[in-house]
Amino acid sequence: MIRKVQAKDAEAIAAIYNHYIAQTTITFETHPVSAQEMEQRILSISSEYPYWVYEEKGEVIGYCYVHRWKEKEAYRYTAETTIYIKPVYTGKGTGERLMQHLIASCKAEGLHTLIACITYPNEPSIHLHEKLGFRPVS
């Protein structure tokens, strides 16, 4: 089930995110994020932008959101996407369902352009975004 994020999701989201911090270079972070820090991030982002979690049998297995792309007013209809899925659930359609939901909610909120800044190598994310209509820009 896809639902809006809640502050109580911070611990589960931090655990998912911290896996990617420890095991990959895709987050640009170098130290784990505490549940308290994640809760602050959740509250800040979700107060302005769509932020969704994918829950299965009471367990948060993935999340996605958009956030401000740039500060200048001309970018007010543009946002950057973020998505993370528990590794055991990748490749099973969870990310695609989450992103489709995110894209639809962004359209409903008047956002016109979504940008995904994907660190290379990350073929699964590149494939997902291209499947959803994103295209590479150099």
Protein backbone atom coordinates (compact mmCIF):
# COMPACT_ATOMS: atom_id res chain seq x y z
CA MET A 1 0.00 0.00 0.00
CA ILE A 2 1.22 3.50 -0.83
CA ARG A 3 0.45 6.16 1.74
CA LYS A 4 1.62 9.59 2.82
CA VAL A 5 4.71 9.62 4.98
CA GLN A 6 4.30 10.12 8.71
CA ALA A 7 6.83 11.18 11.34
CA LYS A 8 6.62 7.68 12.82
CA ASP A 9 8.21 6.34 9.60
CA ALA A 10 11.53 8.05 10.36
CA GLU A 11 13.23 5.03 11.89
CA ALA A 12 12.31 2.71 9.01
CA ILE A 13 13.24 5.32 6.39
CA ALA A 14 16.56 6.02 8.11
CA ALA A 15 17.35 2.28 8.12
CA ILE A 16 16.66 2.02 4.38
CA TYR A 17 18.66 5.15 3.61
CA ASN A 18 21.56 4.19 5.89
CA HIS A 19 22.00 0.95 3.97
CA TYR A 20 22.64 2.98 0.82
CA ILE A 21 25.00 5.34 2.67
CA ALA A 22 27.06 2.40 3.95
CA GLN A 23 26.98 0.20 0.85
CA THR A 24 26.95 2.64 -2.11
CA THR A 25 28.01 6.10 -3.23
CA ILE A 26 24.58 7.11 -4.54
CA THR A 27 23.48 9.23 -1.57
CA PHE A 28 26.40 11.68 -1.42
CA GLU A 29 26.29 11.25 2.37
CA THR A 30 29.20 9.77 4.28
CA HIS A 31 27.70 9.15 7.72
CA PRO A 32 24.52 7.37 8.83
CA VAL A 33 21.47 9.51 9.52
CA SER A 34 19.70 9.16 12.87
CA ALA A 35 15.97 8.61 13.10
CA GLN A 36 15.67 12.06 14.69
CA GLU A 37 17.49 13.72 11.78
CA MET A 38 15.37 11.78 9.31
CA GLU A 39 12.20 12.86 11.10
CA GLN A 40 13.24 16.51 10.72
CA ARG A 41 13.90 15.95 7.02
CA ILE A 42 10.53 14.22 6.59
CA LEU A 43 8.64 17.02 8.32
CA SER A 44 10.43 19.72 6.34
CA ILE A 45 10.03 18.12 2.91
CA SER A 46 6.51 16.76 3.36
CA SER A 47 5.23 20.15 4.51
CA GLU A 48 5.78 21.44 0.94
CA TYR A 49 6.04 18.47 -1.41
CA PRO A 50 4.62 14.98 -2.02
CA TYR A 51 6.32 12.31 0.10
CA TRP A 52 5.13 8.69 -0.03
CA VAL A 53 5.99 5.38 1.60
CA TYR A 54 5.30 1.87 0.34
CA GLU A 55 4.12 -0.31 3.18
CA GLU A 56 3.66 -4.07 3.03
CA LYS A 57 2.23 -6.01 6.00
CA GLY A 58 2.96 -3.06 8.28
CA GLU A 59 6.58 -2.72 7.12
CA VAL A 60 7.92 0.31 5.25
CA ILE A 61 9.80 -1.20 2.30
CA GLY A 62 10.42 1.94 0.28
CA TYR A 63 9.83 5.66 0.04
CA CYS A 64 9.95 8.47 -2.46
CA TYR A 65 9.51 12.21 -2.52
CA VAL A 66 10.35 15.33 -4.42
CA HIS A 67 12.05 18.44 -3.14
CA ARG A 68 12.96 21.89 -4.41
CA TRP A 69 15.33 21.79 -7.37
CA LYS A 70 16.74 25.32 -7.11
CA GLU A 71 15.95 28.35 -5.00
CA LYS A 72 15.16 30.86 -7.75
CA GLU A 73 11.48 31.58 -8.34
CA ALA A 74 11.62 30.51 -12.00
CA TYR A 75 12.18 26.91 -10.78
CA ARG A 76 9.04 26.83 -8.61
CA TYR A 77 7.38 24.24 -10.90
CA THR A 78 10.45 22.00 -10.97
CA ALA A 79 11.40 19.40 -8.36
CA GLU A 80 14.00 16.67 -7.90
CA THR A 81 12.91 13.09 -7.28
CA THR A 82 14.26 10.75 -4.62
CA ILE A 83 13.45 7.06 -4.23
CA TYR A 84 14.89 4.29 -2.06
CA ILE A 85 13.71 0.71 -1.73
CA LYS A 86 14.86 -1.96 0.72
CA PRO A 87 17.34 -4.05 -1.28
CA VAL A 88 15.39 -7.29 -0.84
CA TYR A 89 12.38 -5.64 -2.57
CA THR A 90 14.19 -4.14 -5.56
CA GLY A 91 13.30 -5.44 -9.01
CA LYS A 92 9.75 -6.36 -7.97
CA GLY A 93 7.86 -3.31 -9.21
CA THR A 94 7.76 -1.45 -5.90
CA GLY A 95 9.85 1.44 -7.20
CA GLU A 96 7.80 1.76 -10.36
CA ARG A 97 4.51 1.85 -8.43
CA LEU A 98 5.92 4.42 -6.00
CA MET A 99 7.28 6.63 -8.79
CA GLN A 100 4.03 6.46 -10.78
CA HIS A 101 2.18 7.59 -7.66
CA LEU A 102 4.72 10.35 -7.05
CA ILE A 103 4.54 11.60 -10.64
CA ALA A 104 0.74 11.70 -10.55
CA SER A 105 0.73 13.60 -7.25
CA CYS A 106 3.28 16.08 -8.58
CA LYS A 107 1.10 16.76 -11.64
CA ALA A 108 -1.90 17.27 -9.37
CA GLU A 109 0.08 19.81 -7.35
CA GLY A 110 1.08 21.77 -10.46
CA LEU A 111 4.69 20.69 -10.80
CA HIS A 112 5.69 20.62 -14.48
CA THR A 113 9.24 19.27 -14.49
CA LEU A 114 10.78 16.46 -12.45
CA ILE A 115 14.51 15.91 -12.40
CA ALA A 116 16.32 12.78 -11.23
CA CYS A 117 19.97 13.30 -10.36
CA ILE A 118 21.27 9.73 -10.57
CA THR A 119 24.82 8.89 -9.55
CA TYR A 120 26.64 6.60 -11.93
CA PRO A 121 26.78 3.62 -11.81
CA ASN A 122 23.17 2.95 -10.84
CA GLU A 123 21.66 1.04 -13.74
CA PRO A 124 18.47 0.01 -11.86
CA SER A 125 17.59 3.65 -11.15
CA ILE A 126 18.49 4.76 -14.66
CA HIS A 127 16.33 1.98 -16.11
CA LEU A 128 13.40 2.82 -13.81
CA HIS A 129 13.47 6.51 -14.66
CA GLU A 130 13.81 5.92 -18.40
CA LYS A 131 10.89 3.45 -18.26
CA LEU A 132 8.81 6.24 -16.68
CA GLY A 133 9.69 8.77 -19.40
CA PHE A 134 12.73 10.50 -17.91
CA ARG A 135 15.53 11.03 -20.39
CA PRO A 136 19.26 11.61 -19.90
CA VAL A 137 20.58 15.15 -20.13
CA SER A 138 24.25 15.94 -20.43
